[in-house]
Amino acid sequence: MTTEEIRRIGFTEEDGRGLKFGIVSARANADVVEPLVTGTKESLLAKGVAHQDLRCCTVQRPFDLPYAAKAMMRSDDSLDGIICLGCIIRDENIGKFDYESEAVARGIMKLNEGKVPVVYGVLTCLNEEQALTFIGKASEHDAVSVDHGPAYAQTLVELARLSKRLDEDAEEQP
């Protein structure tokens, strides 16, 4: 592969027109997850993804995200990508936090063995204040506050476009 070919398939600011996405979110820690979902949706729409091309569902816990994403893939093979959004807060149950965080990450990564990219958009936070920082809602004395929703949307569009380009390149190969 030449340098020019590598550049051509690299990540850039992408247009989402014509792409169809699934958004799977967990209801646990809704005060954090709902703004994350809103930011992701708004960013996808701003990139040209049509409202009717967004398929959304919710599950109770982040632990349920991999199953719901897999079910969504099975029920709609026209999806170009799926994003799993949730928030796991450590609080005082360290063992549960570690187990759940690892299980969710592994489950979502396993889904990426398939043809459709699945983006991991699960915040793993030490406490609620840190979680609020990650959705751009930090307290006024906190200098670092970033809404991760738009970044997750950008990743989803990039990976969907990359997958399409690589598929097209493979079809062009003799």
N, C-alpha and C. Protein backbone atom coordinates (compact mmCIF):
# COMPACT_ATOMS: atom_id res chain seq x y z
N MET A 1 0.85 -1.17 0.00
CA MET A 1 0.00 0.00 0.00
C MET A 1 0.90 1.24 0.00
N THR A 2 0.60 2.17 -0.87
CA THR A 2 1.41 3.39 -0.97
C THR A 2 1.02 4.37 0.13
N THR A 3 1.89 5.37 0.33
CA THR A 3 1.61 6.41 1.32
C THR A 3 0.32 7.14 0.98
N GLU A 4 0.10 7.40 -0.30
CA GLU A 4 -1.12 8.09 -0.72
C GLU A 4 -2.36 7.25 -0.40
N GLU A 5 -2.28 5.95 -0.61
CA GLU A 5 -3.41 5.07 -0.28
C GLU A 5 -3.68 5.06 1.22
N ILE A 6 -2.61 5.08 2.01
CA ILE A 6 -2.77 5.11 3.46
C ILE A 6 -3.44 6.42 3.88
N ARG A 7 -3.01 7.54 3.29
CA ARG A 7 -3.63 8.83 3.62
C ARG A 7 -5.11 8.83 3.25
N ARG A 8 -5.42 8.21 2.12
CA ARG A 8 -6.79 8.22 1.62
C ARG A 8 -7.75 7.51 2.58
N ILE A 9 -7.27 6.49 3.29
CA ILE A 9 -8.16 5.78 4.20
C ILE A 9 -7.99 6.24 5.64
N GLY A 10 -7.18 7.26 5.86
CA GLY A 10 -6.96 7.76 7.22
C GLY A 10 -8.16 8.51 7.75
N PHE A 11 -8.09 8.84 9.04
CA PHE A 11 -9.18 9.54 9.69
C PHE A 11 -9.13 11.03 9.37
N THR A 12 -10.26 11.56 8.97
CA THR A 12 -10.41 12.98 8.69
C THR A 12 -11.79 13.39 9.18
N GLU A 13 -12.07 14.67 9.07
CA GLU A 13 -13.42 15.16 9.39
C GLU A 13 -14.35 14.55 8.35
N GLU A 14 -15.28 13.75 8.77
CA GLU A 14 -16.10 12.97 7.85
C GLU A 14 -17.53 13.48 7.74
N ASP A 15 -18.11 13.20 6.59
CA ASP A 15 -19.49 13.52 6.29
C ASP A 15 -20.33 12.28 6.58
N GLY A 16 -21.41 12.44 7.31
CA GLY A 16 -22.23 11.30 7.68
C GLY A 16 -23.42 11.05 6.77
N ARG A 17 -23.56 11.85 5.70
CA ARG A 17 -24.70 11.67 4.81
C ARG A 17 -24.73 10.26 4.22
N GLY A 18 -25.92 9.68 4.23
CA GLY A 18 -26.11 8.36 3.65
C GLY A 18 -25.76 7.21 4.58
N LEU A 19 -25.30 7.51 5.78
CA LEU A 19 -24.95 6.46 6.74
C LEU A 19 -26.11 6.22 7.70
N LYS A 20 -26.21 4.99 8.17
CA LYS A 20 -27.26 4.61 9.11
C LYS A 20 -26.60 4.03 10.36
N PHE A 21 -26.99 4.56 11.53
CA PHE A 21 -26.34 4.18 12.77
C PHE A 21 -27.32 3.73 13.84
N GLY A 22 -26.82 2.89 14.72
CA GLY A 22 -27.55 2.49 15.91
C GLY A 22 -26.91 3.12 17.14
N ILE A 23 -27.73 3.58 18.05
CA ILE A 23 -27.26 4.12 19.32
C ILE A 23 -27.91 3.30 20.43
N VAL A 24 -27.09 2.61 21.20
CA VAL A 24 -27.58 1.80 22.32
C VAL A 24 -27.08 2.48 23.59
N SER A 25 -27.99 2.81 24.49
CA SER A 25 -27.57 3.50 25.72
C SER A 25 -28.16 2.82 26.95
N ALA A 26 -27.45 2.99 28.06
CA ALA A 26 -27.89 2.44 29.34
C ALA A 26 -28.62 3.52 30.13
N ARG A 27 -29.67 3.13 30.83
CA ARG A 27 -30.44 4.08 31.64
C ARG A 27 -29.79 4.35 32.99
N ALA A 28 -28.93 3.47 33.46
CA ALA A 28 -28.23 3.71 34.73
C ALA A 28 -27.40 4.98 34.61
N ASN A 29 -27.37 5.77 35.66
CA ASN A 29 -26.66 7.06 35.68
C ASN A 29 -27.18 7.98 34.57
N ALA A 30 -28.50 8.04 34.46
CA ALA A 30 -29.17 8.79 33.39
C ALA A 30 -28.76 10.26 33.35
N ASP A 31 -28.46 10.86 34.50
CA ASP A 31 -28.07 12.27 34.51
C ASP A 31 -26.78 12.50 33.74
N VAL A 32 -25.99 11.48 33.56
CA VAL A 32 -24.76 11.56 32.78
C VAL A 32 -24.99 11.03 31.36
N VAL A 33 -25.70 9.93 31.24
CA VAL A 33 -25.85 9.26 29.94
C VAL A 33 -26.77 10.04 29.00
N GLU A 34 -27.86 10.60 29.50
CA GLU A 34 -28.78 11.31 28.61
C GLU A 34 -28.12 12.47 27.88
N PRO A 35 -27.33 13.34 28.55
CA PRO A 35 -26.62 14.38 27.81
C PRO A 35 -25.59 13.81 26.82
N LEU A 36 -25.00 12.68 27.16
CA LEU A 36 -24.06 12.02 26.26
C LEU A 36 -24.77 11.56 24.99
N VAL A 37 -25.95 10.98 25.16
CA VAL A 37 -26.75 10.55 24.00
C VAL A 37 -27.15 11.76 23.17
N THR A 38 -27.61 12.82 23.83
CA THR A 38 -28.03 14.03 23.12
C THR A 38 -26.86 14.62 22.33
N GLY A 39 -25.69 14.74 22.95
CA GLY A 39 -24.52 15.28 22.27
C GLY A 39 -24.10 14.43 21.08
N THR A 40 -24.19 13.12 21.23
CA THR A 40 -23.83 12.22 20.14
C THR A 40 -24.82 12.37 18.98
N LYS A 41 -26.12 12.37 19.29
CA LYS A 41 -27.14 12.51 18.25
C LYS A 41 -27.00 13.84 17.52
N GLU A 42 -26.86 14.93 18.29
CA GLU A 42 -26.74 16.25 17.67
C GLU A 42 -25.53 16.32 16.75
N SER A 43 -24.44 15.73 17.16
CA SER A 43 -23.23 15.74 16.34
C SER A 43 -23.41 14.92 15.07
N LEU A 44 -24.07 13.78 15.19
CA LEU A 44 -24.33 12.96 13.99
C LEU A 44 -25.24 13.70 13.02
N LEU A 45 -26.28 14.35 13.53
CA LEU A 45 -27.17 15.12 12.68
C LEU A 45 -26.42 16.27 12.01
N ALA A 46 -25.53 16.93 12.76
CA ALA A 46 -24.74 18.04 12.21
C ALA A 46 -23.79 17.55 11.12
N LYS A 47 -23.40 16.29 11.16
CA LYS A 47 -22.53 15.71 10.14
C LYS A 47 -23.31 15.22 8.93
N GLY A 48 -24.62 15.42 8.94
CA GLY A 48 -25.44 15.07 7.78
C GLY A 48 -26.18 13.76 7.88
N VAL A 49 -26.07 13.06 9.00
CA VAL A 49 -26.84 11.82 9.17
C VAL A 49 -28.31 12.22 9.31
N ALA A 50 -29.18 11.57 8.55
CA ALA A 50 -30.61 11.87 8.61
C ALA A 50 -31.21 11.31 9.89
N HIS A 51 -32.17 12.06 10.44
CA HIS A 51 -32.82 11.64 11.69
C HIS A 51 -33.40 10.22 11.55
N GLN A 52 -34.00 9.92 10.41
CA GLN A 52 -34.60 8.59 10.21
C GLN A 52 -33.54 7.49 10.07
N ASP A 53 -32.27 7.87 9.94
CA ASP A 53 -31.18 6.89 9.84
C ASP A 53 -30.51 6.63 11.18
N LEU A 54 -31.12 7.12 12.25
CA LEU A 54 -30.64 6.83 13.61
C LEU A 54 -31.63 5.90 14.28
N ARG A 55 -31.15 4.75 14.68
CA ARG A 55 -31.99 3.77 15.38
C ARG A 55 -31.50 3.71 16.82
N CYS A 56 -32.39 3.94 17.77
CA CYS A 56 -31.98 4.04 19.17
C CYS A 56 -32.73 3.03 20.03
N CYS A 57 -32.03 2.53 21.04
CA CYS A 57 -32.67 1.69 22.05
C CYS A 57 -31.93 1.89 23.37
N THR A 58 -32.62 1.59 24.46
CA THR A 58 -32.01 1.71 25.78
C THR A 58 -32.11 0.38 26.51
N VAL A 59 -31.17 0.19 27.42
CA VAL A 59 -31.15 -0.98 28.30
C VAL A 59 -30.97 -0.47 29.72
N GLN A 60 -31.20 -1.33 30.68
CA GLN A 60 -31.12 -0.92 32.08
C GLN A 60 -29.70 -0.55 32.51
N ARG A 61 -28.73 -1.45 32.26
CA ARG A 61 -27.38 -1.27 32.80
C ARG A 61 -26.33 -1.29 31.69
N PRO A 62 -25.17 -0.71 31.93
CA PRO A 62 -24.09 -0.81 30.95
C PRO A 62 -23.74 -2.26 30.62
N PHE A 63 -23.88 -3.15 31.59
CA PHE A 63 -23.57 -4.57 31.39
C PHE A 63 -24.40 -5.16 30.24
N ASP A 64 -25.57 -4.58 29.97
CA ASP A 64 -26.48 -5.09 28.94
C ASP A 64 -26.18 -4.52 27.54
N LEU A 65 -25.29 -3.56 27.45
CA LEU A 65 -25.01 -2.90 26.17
C LEU A 65 -24.53 -3.86 25.07
N PRO A 66 -23.56 -4.74 25.34
CA PRO A 66 -23.10 -5.62 24.25
C PRO A 66 -24.22 -6.49 23.67
N TYR A 67 -25.08 -7.04 24.53
CA TYR A 67 -26.17 -7.87 24.03
C TYR A 67 -27.12 -7.04 23.15
N ALA A 68 -27.49 -5.86 23.62
CA ALA A 68 -28.42 -5.02 22.87
C ALA A 68 -27.82 -4.60 21.53
N ALA A 69 -26.53 -4.29 21.51
CA ALA A 69 -25.87 -3.92 20.25
C ALA A 69 -25.87 -5.11 19.28
N LYS A 70 -25.59 -6.29 19.79
CA LYS A 70 -25.60 -7.49 18.95
C LYS A 70 -27.01 -7.75 18.41
N ALA A 71 -28.02 -7.61 19.26
CA ALA A 71 -29.41 -7.80 18.83
C ALA A 71 -29.78 -6.77 17.75
N MET A 72 -29.32 -5.53 17.92
CA MET A 72 -29.59 -4.50 16.93
C MET A 72 -28.93 -4.85 15.60
N MET A 73 -27.71 -5.34 15.64
CA MET A 73 -27.01 -5.75 14.41
C MET A 73 -27.78 -6.86 13.70
N ARG A 74 -28.25 -7.84 14.47
CA ARG A 74 -28.98 -8.97 13.88
C ARG A 74 -30.29 -8.52 13.25
N SER A 75 -30.94 -7.55 13.86
CA SER A 75 -32.26 -7.14 13.39
C SER A 75 -32.21 -6.13 12.25
N ASP A 76 -31.06 -5.52 12.01
CA ASP A 76 -30.96 -4.50 10.95
C ASP A 76 -29.57 -4.56 10.33
N ASP A 77 -29.46 -5.31 9.22
CA ASP A 77 -28.15 -5.46 8.59
C ASP A 77 -27.77 -4.28 7.71
N SER A 78 -28.61 -3.23 7.69
CA SER A 78 -28.26 -2.03 6.91
C SER A 78 -27.48 -1.01 7.74
N LEU A 79 -27.24 -1.29 9.02
CA LEU A 79 -26.51 -0.35 9.87
C LEU A 79 -25.05 -0.27 9.44
N ASP A 80 -24.52 0.96 9.43
CA ASP A 80 -23.11 1.18 9.10
C ASP A 80 -22.24 1.23 10.34
N GLY A 81 -22.84 1.33 11.50
CA GLY A 81 -22.10 1.36 12.75
C GLY A 81 -23.04 1.49 13.93
N ILE A 82 -22.53 1.15 15.09
CA ILE A 82 -23.30 1.23 16.33
C ILE A 82 -22.41 1.86 17.39
N ILE A 83 -23.02 2.66 18.25
CA ILE A 83 -22.29 3.20 19.38
C ILE A 83 -23.00 2.79 20.67
N CYS A 84 -22.23 2.35 21.63
CA CYS A 84 -22.76 1.97 22.95
C CYS A 84 -22.39 3.06 23.94
N LEU A 85 -23.40 3.66 24.57
CA LEU A 85 -23.19 4.77 25.49
C LEU A 85 -23.67 4.39 26.89
N GLY A 86 -22.84 4.69 27.87
CA GLY A 86 -23.20 4.41 29.25
C GLY A 86 -22.21 5.05 30.19
N CYS A 87 -22.43 4.84 31.47
CA CYS A 87 -21.53 5.38 32.49
C CYS A 87 -21.51 4.42 33.67
N ILE A 88 -20.30 4.04 34.05
CA ILE A 88 -20.09 3.20 35.23
C ILE A 88 -19.31 4.03 36.23
N ILE A 89 -19.89 4.23 37.41
CA ILE A 89 -19.25 5.05 38.44
C ILE A 89 -18.77 4.14 39.56
N ARG A 90 -17.52 4.30 39.93
CA ARG A 90 -16.89 3.44 40.93
C ARG A 90 -17.56 3.54 42.30
N ASP A 91 -17.80 4.73 42.77
CA ASP A 91 -18.35 4.96 44.11
C ASP A 91 -17.60 4.12 45.14
N GLU A 92 -18.30 3.24 45.82
CA GLU A 92 -17.65 2.48 46.89
C GLU A 92 -17.54 0.99 46.59
N ASN A 93 -18.16 0.53 45.53
CA ASN A 93 -18.12 -0.90 45.21
C ASN A 93 -17.04 -1.16 44.17
N ILE A 94 -15.80 -1.19 44.60
CA ILE A 94 -14.66 -1.30 43.70
C ILE A 94 -14.69 -2.61 42.91
N GLY A 95 -14.99 -3.72 43.56
CA GLY A 95 -15.01 -5.01 42.87
C GLY A 95 -16.02 -5.05 41.74
N LYS A 96 -17.23 -4.57 42.01
CA LYS A 96 -18.27 -4.54 40.97
C LYS A 96 -17.86 -3.62 39.84
N PHE A 97 -17.30 -2.47 40.15
CA PHE A 97 -16.86 -1.51 39.14
C PHE A 97 -15.85 -2.16 38.20
N ASP A 98 -14.83 -2.80 38.78
CA ASP A 98 -13.79 -3.42 37.96
C ASP A 98 -14.36 -4.52 37.08
N TYR A 99 -15.19 -5.37 37.67
CA TYR A 99 -15.78 -6.49 36.93
C TYR A 99 -16.66 -5.98 35.80
N GLU A 100 -17.56 -5.05 36.12
CA GLU A 100 -18.50 -4.55 35.12
C GLU A 100 -17.78 -3.79 34.01
N SER A 101 -16.83 -2.94 34.37
CA SER A 101 -16.09 -2.17 33.36
C SER A 101 -15.39 -3.10 32.38
N GLU A 102 -14.71 -4.10 32.92
CA GLU A 102 -13.98 -5.03 32.06
C GLU A 102 -14.93 -5.85 31.19
N ALA A 103 -16.02 -6.33 31.77
CA ALA A 103 -16.97 -7.15 31.01
C ALA A 103 -17.60 -6.36 29.87
N VAL A 104 -17.98 -5.13 30.13
CA VAL A 104 -18.60 -4.30 29.09
C VAL A 104 -17.59 -4.01 27.98
N ALA A 105 -16.37 -3.64 28.35
CA ALA A 105 -15.34 -3.36 27.34
C ALA A 105 -15.07 -4.59 26.48
N ARG A 106 -14.91 -5.74 27.11
CA ARG A 106 -14.66 -6.97 26.35
C ARG A 106 -15.83 -7.33 25.44
N GLY A 107 -17.04 -7.17 25.95
CA GLY A 107 -18.22 -7.49 25.15
C GLY A 107 -18.32 -6.61 23.91
N ILE A 108 -18.07 -5.33 24.08
CA ILE A 108 -18.14 -4.41 22.95
C ILE A 108 -16.99 -4.68 21.97
N MET A 109 -15.81 -4.91 22.48
CA MET A 109 -14.67 -5.20 21.59
C MET A 109 -14.90 -6.48 20.80
N LYS A 110 -15.52 -7.47 21.41
CA LYS A 110 -15.81 -8.73 20.71
C LYS A 110 -16.74 -8.48 19.52
N LEU A 111 -17.66 -7.55 19.67
CA LEU A 111 -18.57 -7.22 18.57
C LEU A 111 -17.81 -6.66 17.37
N ASN A 112 -16.65 -6.06 17.61
CA ASN A 112 -15.87 -5.50 16.52
C ASN A 112 -15.18 -6.56 15.67
N GLU A 113 -15.33 -7.83 16.03
CA GLU A 113 -14.84 -8.90 15.18
C GLU A 113 -15.73 -9.07 13.95
N GLY A 114 -16.90 -8.47 13.98
CA GLY A 114 -17.83 -8.53 12.85
C GLY A 114 -17.54 -7.44 11.84
N LYS A 115 -18.45 -7.27 10.92
CA LYS A 115 -18.28 -6.33 9.81
C LYS A 115 -18.64 -4.89 10.17
N VAL A 116 -19.50 -4.72 11.17
CA VAL A 116 -19.98 -3.38 11.53
C VAL A 116 -19.17 -2.84 12.70
N PRO A 117 -18.61 -1.62 12.57
CA PRO A 117 -17.87 -1.06 13.71
C PRO A 117 -18.80 -0.73 14.88
N VAL A 118 -18.33 -1.05 16.08
CA VAL A 118 -19.07 -0.75 17.30
C VAL A 118 -18.16 0.11 18.18
N VAL A 119 -18.60 1.32 18.47
CA VAL A 119 -17.80 2.27 19.24
C VAL A 119 -18.11 2.13 20.73
N TYR A 120 -17.06 2.09 21.52
CA TYR A 120 -17.15 2.03 22.98
C TYR A 120 -17.29 3.46 23.50
N GLY A 121 -18.47 3.81 23.95
CA GLY A 121 -18.73 5.13 24.49
C GLY A 121 -19.20 5.05 25.93
N VAL A 122 -18.52 4.24 26.71
CA VAL A 122 -18.90 4.04 28.11
C VAL A 122 -17.89 4.76 28.99
N LEU A 123 -18.37 5.72 29.75
CA LEU A 123 -17.51 6.44 30.68
C LEU A 123 -17.29 5.58 31.91
N THR A 124 -16.05 5.43 32.32
CA THR A 124 -15.74 4.73 33.57
C THR A 124 -15.12 5.78 34.49
N CYS A 125 -15.84 6.11 35.54
CA CYS A 125 -15.48 7.26 36.37
C CYS A 125 -15.34 6.88 37.83
N LEU A 126 -14.47 7.61 38.51
CA LEU A 126 -14.26 7.37 39.93
C LEU A 126 -15.43 7.86 40.78
N ASN A 127 -16.08 8.94 40.31
CA ASN A 127 -17.20 9.51 41.07
C ASN A 127 -18.09 10.31 40.11
N GLU A 128 -19.22 10.78 40.62
CA GLU A 128 -20.16 11.50 39.76
C GLU A 128 -19.58 12.82 39.26
N GLU A 129 -18.78 13.49 40.06
CA GLU A 129 -18.17 14.75 39.62
C GLU A 129 -17.30 14.53 38.38
N GLN A 130 -16.53 13.47 38.39
CA GLN A 130 -15.70 13.16 37.23
C GLN A 130 -16.59 12.84 36.02
N ALA A 131 -17.68 12.12 36.24
CA ALA A 131 -18.60 11.80 35.15
C ALA A 131 -19.18 13.07 34.53
N LEU A 132 -19.55 14.02 35.37
CA LEU A 132 -20.09 15.28 34.86
C LEU A 132 -19.05 16.05 34.06
N THR A 133 -17.79 15.95 34.45
CA THR A 133 -16.71 16.58 33.70
C THR A 133 -16.64 16.02 32.28
N PHE A 134 -16.87 14.71 32.15
CA PHE A 134 -16.77 14.05 30.85
C PHE A 134 -17.94 14.34 29.92
N ILE A 135 -18.98 14.99 30.41
CA ILE A 135 -20.08 15.39 29.53
C ILE A 135 -20.17 16.91 29.41
N GLY A 136 -19.12 17.58 29.86
CA GLY A 136 -19.07 19.03 29.74
C GLY A 136 -19.88 19.76 30.79
N LYS A 137 -20.19 19.12 31.91
CA LYS A 137 -21.03 19.73 32.95
C LYS A 137 -20.29 19.85 34.28
N ALA A 138 -19.00 20.08 34.22
CA ALA A 138 -18.21 20.17 35.45
C ALA A 138 -18.56 21.44 36.22
N SER A 139 -18.22 21.43 37.48
CA SER A 139 -18.44 22.62 38.31
C SER A 139 -17.57 23.76 37.78
N GLU A 140 -17.97 24.99 38.11
CA GLU A 140 -17.27 26.16 37.56
C GLU A 140 -15.80 26.25 37.98
N HIS A 141 -15.40 25.63 39.07
CA HIS A 141 -14.00 25.69 39.49
C HIS A 141 -13.13 24.62 38.81
N ASP A 142 -13.76 23.76 38.03
CA ASP A 142 -13.01 22.71 37.31
C ASP A 142 -12.68 23.24 35.91
N ALA A 143 -11.40 23.40 35.63
CA ALA A 143 -10.97 23.99 34.36
C ALA A 143 -11.12 23.03 33.19
N VAL A 144 -11.09 21.74 33.43
CA VAL A 144 -11.15 20.76 32.34
C VAL A 144 -12.53 20.13 32.30
N SER A 145 -13.27 20.43 31.24
CA SER A 145 -14.60 19.87 31.07
C SER A 145 -14.82 19.64 29.58
N VAL A 146 -15.03 18.39 29.20
CA VAL A 146 -15.14 18.05 27.79
C VAL A 146 -16.37 17.17 27.57
N ASP A 147 -17.19 17.54 26.59
CA ASP A 147 -18.34 16.71 26.22
C ASP A 147 -17.86 15.63 25.26
N HIS A 148 -17.89 14.39 25.70
CA HIS A 148 -17.39 13.29 24.88
C HIS A 148 -18.36 12.87 23.76
N GLY A 149 -19.62 13.27 23.83
CA GLY A 149 -20.60 12.90 22.81
C GLY A 149 -20.15 13.22 21.39
N PRO A 150 -19.72 14.46 21.10
CA PRO A 150 -19.26 14.78 19.74
C PRO A 150 -18.05 13.96 19.31
N ALA A 151 -17.14 13.67 20.22
CA ALA A 151 -15.97 12.86 19.87
C ALA A 151 -16.39 11.43 19.53
N TYR A 152 -17.34 10.89 20.28
CA TYR A 152 -17.84 9.55 19.98
C TYR A 152 -18.53 9.53 18.61
N ALA A 153 -19.30 10.58 18.31
CA ALA A 153 -19.97 10.66 17.01
C ALA A 153 -18.95 10.72 15.88
N GLN A 154 -17.90 11.51 16.05
CA GLN A 154 -16.85 11.60 15.04
C GLN A 154 -16.20 10.24 14.81
N THR A 155 -15.90 9.53 15.88
CA THR A 155 -15.29 8.21 15.75
C THR A 155 -16.22 7.26 15.00
N LEU A 156 -17.51 7.31 15.31
CA LEU A 156 -18.47 6.43 14.65
C LEU A 156 -18.50 6.68 13.14
N VAL A 157 -18.57 7.94 12.74
CA VAL A 157 -18.60 8.28 11.31
C VAL A 157 -17.29 7.88 10.65
N GLU A 158 -16.17 8.18 11.29
CA GLU A 158 -14.86 7.82 10.72
C GLU A 158 -14.74 6.32 10.49
N LEU A 159 -15.11 5.53 11.48
CA LEU A 159 -14.98 4.08 11.35
C LEU A 159 -15.93 3.52 10.29
N ALA A 160 -17.13 4.07 10.20
CA ALA A 160 -18.07 3.62 9.17
C ALA A 160 -17.54 3.94 7.78
N ARG A 161 -17.01 5.15 7.60
CA ARG A 161 -16.44 5.53 6.30
C ARG A 161 -15.20 4.69 5.98
N LEU A 162 -14.36 4.48 6.98
CA LEU A 162 -13.17 3.65 6.78
C LEU A 162 -13.57 2.24 6.34
N SER A 163 -14.54 1.67 7.00
CA SER A 163 -15.01 0.33 6.66
C SER A 163 -15.52 0.28 5.22
N LYS A 164 -16.29 1.29 4.83
CA LYS A 164 -16.82 1.34 3.46
C LYS A 164 -15.68 1.47 2.44
N ARG A 165 -14.70 2.34 2.73
CA ARG A 165 -13.58 2.52 1.79
C ARG A 165 -12.76 1.24 1.65
N LEU A 166 -12.50 0.59 2.76
CA LEU A 166 -11.73 -0.66 2.70
C LEU A 166 -12.49 -1.74 1.94
N ASP A 167 -13.80 -1.81 2.13
CA ASP A 167 -14.62 -2.77 1.38
C ASP A 167 -14.57 -2.47 -0.12
N GLU A 168 -14.67 -1.18 -0.47
CA GLU A 168 -14.60 -0.79 -1.88
C GLU A 168 -13.24 -1.12 -2.47
N ASP A 169 -12.17 -0.84 -1.72
CA ASP A 169 -10.83 -1.16 -2.19
C ASP A 169 -10.66 -2.66 -2.40
N ALA A 170 -11.22 -3.46 -1.51
CA ALA A 170 -11.12 -4.92 -1.63
C ALA A 170 -11.85 -5.40 -2.87
N GLU A 171 -12.99 -4.77 -3.19
CA GLU A 171 -13.75 -5.15 -4.39
C GLU A 171 -13.00 -4.79 -5.66
N GLU A 172 -12.19 -3.72 -5.62
CA GLU A 172 -11.44 -3.29 -6.80
C GLU A 172 -10.20 -4.13 -7.05
N GLN A 173 -9.75 -4.86 -6.05
CA GLN A 173 -8.55 -5.70 -6.18
C GLN A 173 -8.83 -6.82 -7.18
N PRO A 174 -7.84 -7.13 -8.06
CA PRO A 174 -8.05 -8.22 -9.03
C PRO A 174 -8.04 -9.58 -8.38
